[in-house]
Amino acid sequence: MDDWKKVYSTFYEHKAGIVKAVLEDKDIKSVIVNKKDSAYLFGEIEVHVNQNDVLKAKNIITKEEL
C-alpha cells in the first residue's frame, strides 16, 4: 500500500463512494480506506490512488467539484 496516496477525505461514506466511482470512470483505480472508529463514529474515510495518478485524480476531483 506504499504506492497509494490519499487524494480525498471526508466524514461521509457516500461522498467517498462518489469520488471513487468518478475516478474509476476516468480509468483511475482507487480504494476507500475507512479510518472511522466503529464504536465512537469519529475519524475519516479516505480515497487513495496509485502515486502515479495523484495529480490526475486531484485535478478531476477539483474540476468535478467533488
PDB file of N, CA and C in Angstrom:
ATOM      1  N   MET A   1       0.829  -1.196   0.000  1.00  0.00           N
ATOM      2  CA  MET A   1       0.000   0.000   0.000  1.00  0.00           C
ATOM      3  C   MET A   1       0.870   1.255   0.000  1.00  0.00           C
ATOM      4  N   ASP A   2       2.188   1.096  -0.040  1.00  0.00           N
ATOM      5  CA  ASP A   2       3.089   2.245  -0.048  1.00  0.00           C
ATOM      6  C   ASP A   2       2.975   3.072  -1.320  1.00  0.00           C
ATOM      7  N   ASP A   3       2.534   2.463  -2.401  1.00  0.00           N
ATOM      8  CA  ASP A   3       2.408   3.168  -3.674  1.00  0.00           C
ATOM      9  C   ASP A   3       1.107   3.951  -3.781  1.00  0.00           C
ATOM     10  N   TRP A   4       0.254   3.891  -2.770  1.00  0.00           N
ATOM     11  CA  TRP A   4      -1.048   4.546  -2.801  1.00  0.00           C
ATOM     12  C   TRP A   4      -1.011   5.787  -1.934  1.00  0.00           C
ATOM     13  N   LYS A   5      -1.610   6.854  -2.425  1.00  0.00           N
ATOM     14  CA  LYS A   5      -1.626   8.139  -1.718  1.00  0.00           C
ATOM     15  C   LYS A   5      -3.051   8.653  -1.594  1.00  0.00           C
ATOM     16  N   LYS A   6      -3.300   9.353  -0.490  1.00  0.00           N
ATOM     17  CA  LYS A   6      -4.625   9.926  -0.241  1.00  0.00           C
ATOM     18  C   LYS A   6      -4.851  11.122  -1.152  1.00  0.00           C
ATOM     19  N   VAL A   7      -6.004  11.146  -1.811  1.00  0.00           N
ATOM     20  CA  VAL A   7      -6.368  12.290  -2.647  1.00  0.00           C
ATOM     21  C   VAL A   7      -7.666  12.956  -2.177  1.00  0.00           C
ATOM     22  N   TYR A   8      -8.367  12.304  -1.249  1.00  0.00           N
ATOM     23  CA  TYR A   8      -9.653  12.849  -0.799  1.00  0.00           C
ATOM     24  C   TYR A   8      -9.981  12.260   0.567  1.00  0.00           C
ATOM     25  N   SER A   9     -10.577  13.057   1.434  1.00  0.00           N
ATOM     26  CA  SER A   9     -11.060  12.534   2.708  1.00  0.00           C
ATOM     27  C   SER A   9     -12.358  13.238   3.082  1.00  0.00           C
ATOM     28  N   THR A  10     -13.194  12.514   3.800  1.00  0.00           N
ATOM     29  CA  THR A  10     -14.500  13.021   4.180  1.00  0.00           C
ATOM     30  C   THR A  10     -14.990  12.259   5.407  1.00  0.00           C
ATOM     31  N   PHE A  11     -16.012  12.772   6.044  1.00  0.00           N
ATOM     32  CA  PHE A  11     -16.652  12.067   7.147  1.00  0.00           C
ATOM     33  C   PHE A  11     -17.802  11.197   6.646  1.00  0.00           C
ATOM     34  N   TYR A  12     -18.160  11.335   5.367  1.00  0.00           N
ATOM     35  CA  TYR A  12     -19.335  10.667   4.814  1.00  0.00           C
ATOM     36  C   TYR A  12     -18.950   9.578   3.825  1.00  0.00           C
ATOM     37  N   GLU A  13     -19.391   8.374   4.099  1.00  0.00           N
ATOM     38  CA  GLU A  13     -19.046   7.228   3.259  1.00  0.00           C
ATOM     39  C   GLU A  13     -19.581   7.377   1.840  1.00  0.00           C
ATOM     40  N   HIS A  14     -20.778   7.931   1.686  1.00  0.00           N
ATOM     41  CA  HIS A  14     -21.360   8.059   0.343  1.00  0.00           C
ATOM     42  C   HIS A  14     -20.567   9.029  -0.528  1.00  0.00           C
ATOM     43  N   LYS A  15     -19.994  10.083   0.072  1.00  0.00           N
ATOM     44  CA  LYS A  15     -19.178  11.016  -0.709  1.00  0.00           C
ATOM     45  C   LYS A  15     -17.895  10.344  -1.199  1.00  0.00           C
ATOM     46  N   ALA A  16     -17.284   9.533  -0.356  1.00  0.00           N
ATOM     47  CA  ALA A  16     -16.087   8.793  -0.763  1.00  0.00           C
ATOM     48  C   ALA A  16     -16.431   7.833  -1.897  1.00  0.00           C
ATOM     49  N   GLY A  17     -17.606   7.224  -1.821  1.00  0.00           N
ATOM     50  CA  GLY A  17     -18.046   6.315  -2.878  1.00  0.00           C
ATOM     51  C   GLY A  17     -18.247   7.025  -4.209  1.00  0.00           C
ATOM     52  N   ILE A  18     -18.767   8.245  -4.152  1.00  0.00           N
ATOM     53  CA  ILE A  18     -18.966   9.028  -5.370  1.00  0.00           C
ATOM     54  C   ILE A  18     -17.616   9.377  -5.996  1.00  0.00           C
ATOM     55  N   VAL A  19     -16.668   9.813  -5.180  1.00  0.00           N
ATOM     56  CA  VAL A  19     -15.337  10.159  -5.683  1.00  0.00           C
ATOM     57  C   VAL A  19     -14.686   8.932  -6.314  1.00  0.00           C
ATOM     58  N   LYS A  20     -14.783   7.797  -5.641  1.00  0.00           N
ATOM     59  CA  LYS A  20     -14.212   6.552  -6.162  1.00  0.00           C
ATOM     60  C   LYS A  20     -14.833   6.205  -7.512  1.00  0.00           C
ATOM     61  N   ALA A  21     -16.144   6.320  -7.623  1.00  0.00           N
ATOM     62  CA  ALA A  21     -16.839   5.996  -8.872  1.00  0.00           C
ATOM     63  C   ALA A  21     -16.420   6.929 -10.005  1.00  0.00           C
ATOM     64  N   VAL A  22     -16.314   8.225  -9.717  1.00  0.00           N
ATOM     65  CA  VAL A  22     -15.912   9.187 -10.747  1.00  0.00           C
ATOM     66  C   VAL A  22     -14.487   8.903 -11.213  1.00  0.00           C
ATOM     67  N   LEU A  23     -13.589   8.627 -10.277  1.00  0.00           N
ATOM     68  CA  LEU A  23     -12.205   8.336 -10.646  1.00  0.00           C
ATOM     69  C   LEU A  23     -12.120   7.065 -11.491  1.00  0.00           C
ATOM     70  N   GLU A  24     -12.856   6.048 -11.107  1.00  0.00           N
ATOM     71  CA  GLU A  24     -12.809   4.795 -11.865  1.00  0.00           C
ATOM     72  C   GLU A  24     -13.458   4.960 -13.233  1.00  0.00           C
ATOM     73  N   ASP A  25     -14.399   5.884 -13.341  1.00  0.00           N
ATOM     74  CA  ASP A  25     -14.980   6.224 -14.643  1.00  0.00           C
ATOM     75  C   ASP A  25     -13.924   6.814 -15.577  1.00  0.00           C
ATOM     76  N   LYS A  26     -12.934   7.477 -14.984  1.00  0.00           N
ATOM     77  CA  LYS A  26     -11.841   8.098 -15.743  1.00  0.00           C
ATOM     78  C   LYS A  26     -10.625   7.174 -15.808  1.00  0.00           C
ATOM     79  N   ASP A  27     -10.825   5.889 -15.544  1.00  0.00           N
ATOM     80  CA  ASP A  27      -9.770   4.862 -15.611  1.00  0.00           C
ATOM     81  C   ASP A  27      -8.654   5.055 -14.594  1.00  0.00           C
ATOM     82  N   ILE A  28      -9.006   5.549 -13.406  1.00  0.00           N
ATOM     83  CA  ILE A  28      -8.048   5.654 -12.307  1.00  0.00           C
ATOM     84  C   ILE A  28      -8.508   4.693 -11.221  1.00  0.00           C
ATOM     85  N   LYS A  29      -7.689   3.691 -10.946  1.00  0.00           N
ATOM     86  CA  LYS A  29      -8.026   2.740  -9.885  1.00  0.00           C
ATOM     87  C   LYS A  29      -7.910   3.441  -8.540  1.00  0.00           C
ATOM     88  N   SER A  30      -8.888   3.190  -7.681  1.00  0.00           N
ATOM     89  CA  SER A  30      -8.878   3.822  -6.366  1.00  0.00           C
ATOM     90  C   SER A  30      -9.418   2.852  -5.324  1.00  0.00           C
ATOM     91  N   VAL A  31      -9.075   3.126  -4.074  1.00  0.00           N
ATOM     92  CA  VAL A  31      -9.561   2.326  -2.958  1.00  0.00           C
ATOM     93  C   VAL A  31     -10.061   3.266  -1.872  1.00  0.00           C
ATOM     94  N   ILE A  32     -11.033   2.788  -1.123  1.00  0.00           N
ATOM     95  CA  ILE A  32     -11.553   3.533   0.013  1.00  0.00           C
ATOM     96  C   ILE A  32     -10.930   2.943   1.269  1.00  0.00           C
ATOM     97  N   VAL A  33     -10.358   3.819   2.086  1.00  0.00           N
ATOM     98  CA  VAL A  33      -9.766   3.408   3.354  1.00  0.00           C
ATOM     99  C   VAL A  33     -10.613   4.035   4.462  1.00  0.00           C
ATOM    100  N   ASN A  34     -11.320   3.176   5.201  1.00  0.00           N
ATOM    101  CA  ASN A  34     -12.211   3.652   6.246  1.00  0.00           C
ATOM    102  C   ASN A  34     -11.443   3.719   7.564  1.00  0.00           C
ATOM    103  N   LYS A  35     -11.171   4.930   8.025  1.00  0.00           N
ATOM    104  CA  LYS A  35     -10.459   5.130   9.280  1.00  0.00           C
ATOM    105  C   LYS A  35     -11.409   5.586  10.382  1.00  0.00           C
ATOM    106  N   LYS A  36     -12.691   5.365  10.159  1.00  0.00           N
ATOM    107  CA  LYS A  36     -13.706   5.763  11.126  1.00  0.00           C
ATOM    108  C   LYS A  36     -13.784   4.719  12.226  1.00  0.00           C
ATOM    109  N   ASP A  37     -13.761   5.135  13.456  1.00  0.00           N
ATOM    110  CA  ASP A  37     -13.890   4.239  14.602  1.00  0.00           C
ATOM    111  C   ASP A  37     -15.332   3.779  14.709  1.00  0.00           C
ATOM    112  N   SER A  38     -15.546   2.488  14.706  1.00  0.00           N
ATOM    113  CA  SER A  38     -16.914   1.963  14.677  1.00  0.00           C
ATOM    114  C   SER A  38     -17.655   2.181  15.991  1.00  0.00           C
ATOM    115  N   ALA A  39     -16.954   2.260  17.102  1.00  0.00           N
ATOM    116  CA  ALA A  39     -17.618   2.424  18.392  1.00  0.00           C
ATOM    117  C   ALA A  39     -18.020   3.876  18.652  1.00  0.00           C
ATOM    118  N   TYR A  40     -17.150   4.805  18.288  1.00  0.00           N
ATOM    119  CA  TYR A  40     -17.398   6.203  18.622  1.00  0.00           C
ATOM    120  C   TYR A  40     -17.741   7.062  17.413  1.00  0.00           C
ATOM    121  N   LEU A  41     -17.657   6.493  16.232  1.00  0.00           N
ATOM    122  CA  LEU A  41     -18.019   7.170  14.983  1.00  0.00           C
ATOM    123  C   LEU A  41     -17.272   8.481  14.754  1.00  0.00           C
ATOM    124  N   PHE A  42     -15.974   8.485  15.030  1.00  0.00           N
ATOM    125  CA  PHE A  42     -15.155   9.623  14.642  1.00  0.00           C
ATOM    126  C   PHE A  42     -14.033   9.112  13.744  1.00  0.00           C
ATOM    127  N   GLY A  43     -13.458  10.004  13.010  1.00  0.00           N
ATOM    128  CA  GLY A  43     -12.432   9.620  12.044  1.00  0.00           C
ATOM    129  C   GLY A  43     -12.924   9.902  10.640  1.00  0.00           C
ATOM    130  N   GLU A  44     -12.059   9.627   9.676  1.00  0.00           N
ATOM    131  CA  GLU A  44     -12.390   9.959   8.291  1.00  0.00           C
ATOM    132  C   GLU A  44     -12.361   8.737   7.388  1.00  0.00           C
ATOM    133  N   ILE A  45     -12.979   8.905   6.253  1.00  0.00           N
ATOM    134  CA  ILE A  45     -12.941   7.912   5.187  1.00  0.00           C
ATOM    135  C   ILE A  45     -12.134   8.546   4.060  1.00  0.00           C
ATOM    136  N   GLU A  46     -11.113   7.822   3.601  1.00  0.00           N
ATOM    137  CA  GLU A  46     -10.199   8.369   2.610  1.00  0.00           C
ATOM    138  C   GLU A  46     -10.282   7.613   1.300  1.00  0.00           C
ATOM    139  N   VAL A  47     -10.006   8.327   0.215  1.00  0.00           N
ATOM    140  CA  VAL A  47      -9.886   7.711  -1.100  1.00  0.00           C
ATOM    141  C   VAL A  47      -8.412   7.797  -1.482  1.00  0.00           C
ATOM    142  N   HIS A  48      -7.837   6.648  -1.834  1.00  0.00           N
ATOM    143  CA  HIS A  48      -6.424   6.575  -2.214  1.00  0.00           C
ATOM    144  C   HIS A  48      -6.305   6.122  -3.659  1.00  0.00           C
ATOM    145  N   VAL A  49      -5.282   6.643  -4.341  1.00  0.00           N
ATOM    146  CA  VAL A  49      -4.963   6.223  -5.708  1.00  0.00           C
ATOM    147  C   VAL A  49      -3.471   5.919  -5.766  1.00  0.00           C
ATOM    148  N   ASN A  50      -3.062   5.245  -6.824  1.00  0.00           N
ATOM    149  CA  ASN A  50      -1.656   4.974  -7.039  1.00  0.00           C
ATOM    150  C   ASN A  50      -0.913   6.298  -7.167  1.00  0.00           C
ATOM    151  N   GLN A  51       0.310   6.356  -6.633  1.00  0.00           N
ATOM    152  CA  GLN A  51       1.050   7.625  -6.630  1.00  0.00           C
ATOM    153  C   GLN A  51       1.260   8.205  -8.023  1.00  0.00           C
ATOM    154  N   ASN A  52       1.232   7.373  -9.057  1.00  0.00           N
ATOM    155  CA  ASN A  52       1.378   7.870 -10.427  1.00  0.00           C
ATOM    156  C   ASN A  52       0.145   8.627 -10.915  1.00  0.00           C
ATOM    157  N   ASP A  53      -0.991   8.436 -10.238  1.00  0.00           N
ATOM    158  CA  ASP A  53      -2.253   9.058 -10.649  1.00  0.00           C
ATOM    159  C   ASP A  53      -2.703  10.196  -9.739  1.00  0.00           C
ATOM    160  N   VAL A  54      -1.873  10.585  -8.785  1.00  0.00           N
ATOM    161  CA  VAL A  54      -2.288  11.585  -7.792  1.00  0.00           C
ATOM    162  C   VAL A  54      -2.681  12.909  -8.438  1.00  0.00           C
ATOM    163  N   LEU A  55      -1.838  13.468  -9.272  1.00  0.00           N
ATOM    164  CA  LEU A  55      -2.140  14.767  -9.889  1.00  0.00           C
ATOM    165  C   LEU A  55      -3.389  14.707 -10.757  1.00  0.00           C
ATOM    166  N   LYS A  56      -3.494  13.659 -11.562  1.00  0.00           N
ATOM    167  CA  LYS A  56      -4.663  13.494 -12.423  1.00  0.00           C
ATOM    168  C   LYS A  56      -5.936  13.381 -11.580  1.00  0.00           C
ATOM    169  N   ALA A  57      -5.867  12.599 -10.513  1.00  0.00           N
ATOM    170  CA  ALA A  57      -7.033  12.407  -9.645  1.00  0.00           C
ATOM    171  C   ALA A  57      -7.434  13.703  -8.964  1.00  0.00           C
ATOM    172  N   LYS A  58      -6.463  14.445  -8.437  1.00  0.00           N
ATOM    173  CA  LYS A  58      -6.783  15.710  -7.770  1.00  0.00           C
ATOM    174  C   LYS A  58      -7.382  16.716  -8.745  1.00  0.00           C
ATOM    175  N   ASN A  59      -6.884  16.733  -9.981  1.00  0.00           N
ATOM    176  CA  ASN A  59      -7.458  17.625 -10.996  1.00  0.00           C
ATOM    177  C   ASN A  59      -8.903  17.253 -11.295  1.00  0.00           C
ATOM    178  N   ILE A  60      -9.192  15.973 -11.393  1.00  0.00           N
ATOM    179  CA  ILE A  60     -10.564  15.512 -11.655  1.00  0.00           C
ATOM    180  C   ILE A  60     -11.476  15.890 -10.492  1.00  0.00           C
ATOM    181  N   ILE A  61     -11.009  15.667  -9.269  1.00  0.00           N
ATOM    182  CA  ILE A  61     -11.810  15.989  -8.077  1.00  0.00           C
ATOM    183  C   ILE A  61     -12.121  17.490  -8.044  1.00  0.00           C
ATOM    184  N   THR A  62     -11.123  18.310  -8.353  1.00  0.00           N
ATOM    185  CA  THR A  62     -11.326  19.760  -8.374  1.00  0.00           C
ATOM    186  C   THR A  62     -12.264  20.178  -9.497  1.00  0.00           C
ATOM    187  N   LYS A  63     -12.018  19.642 -10.682  1.00  0.00           N
ATOM    188  CA  LYS A  63     -12.832  20.002 -11.854  1.00  0.00           C
ATOM    189  C   LYS A  63     -14.295  19.597 -11.666  1.00  0.00           C
ATOM    190  N   GLU A  64     -14.518  18.418 -11.106  1.00  0.00           N
ATOM    191  CA  GLU A  64     -15.878  17.913 -10.912  1.00  0.00           C
ATOM    192  C   GLU A  64     -16.539  18.489  -9.645  1.00  0.00           C
ATOM    193  N   GLU A  65     -15.767  19.268  -8.880  1.00  0.00           N
ATOM    194  CA  GLU A  65     -16.263  19.878  -7.642  1.00  0.00           C
ATOM    195  C   GLU A  65     -16.803  18.842  -6.674  1.00  0.00           C
ATOM    196  N   LEU A  66     -16.040  17.789  -6.465  1.00  0.00           N
ATOM    197  CA  LEU A  66     -16.459  16.715  -5.560  1.00  0.00           C
ATOM    198  C   LEU A  66     -16.069  16.999  -4.133  1.00  0.00           C
TER     199      LEU A  66
END
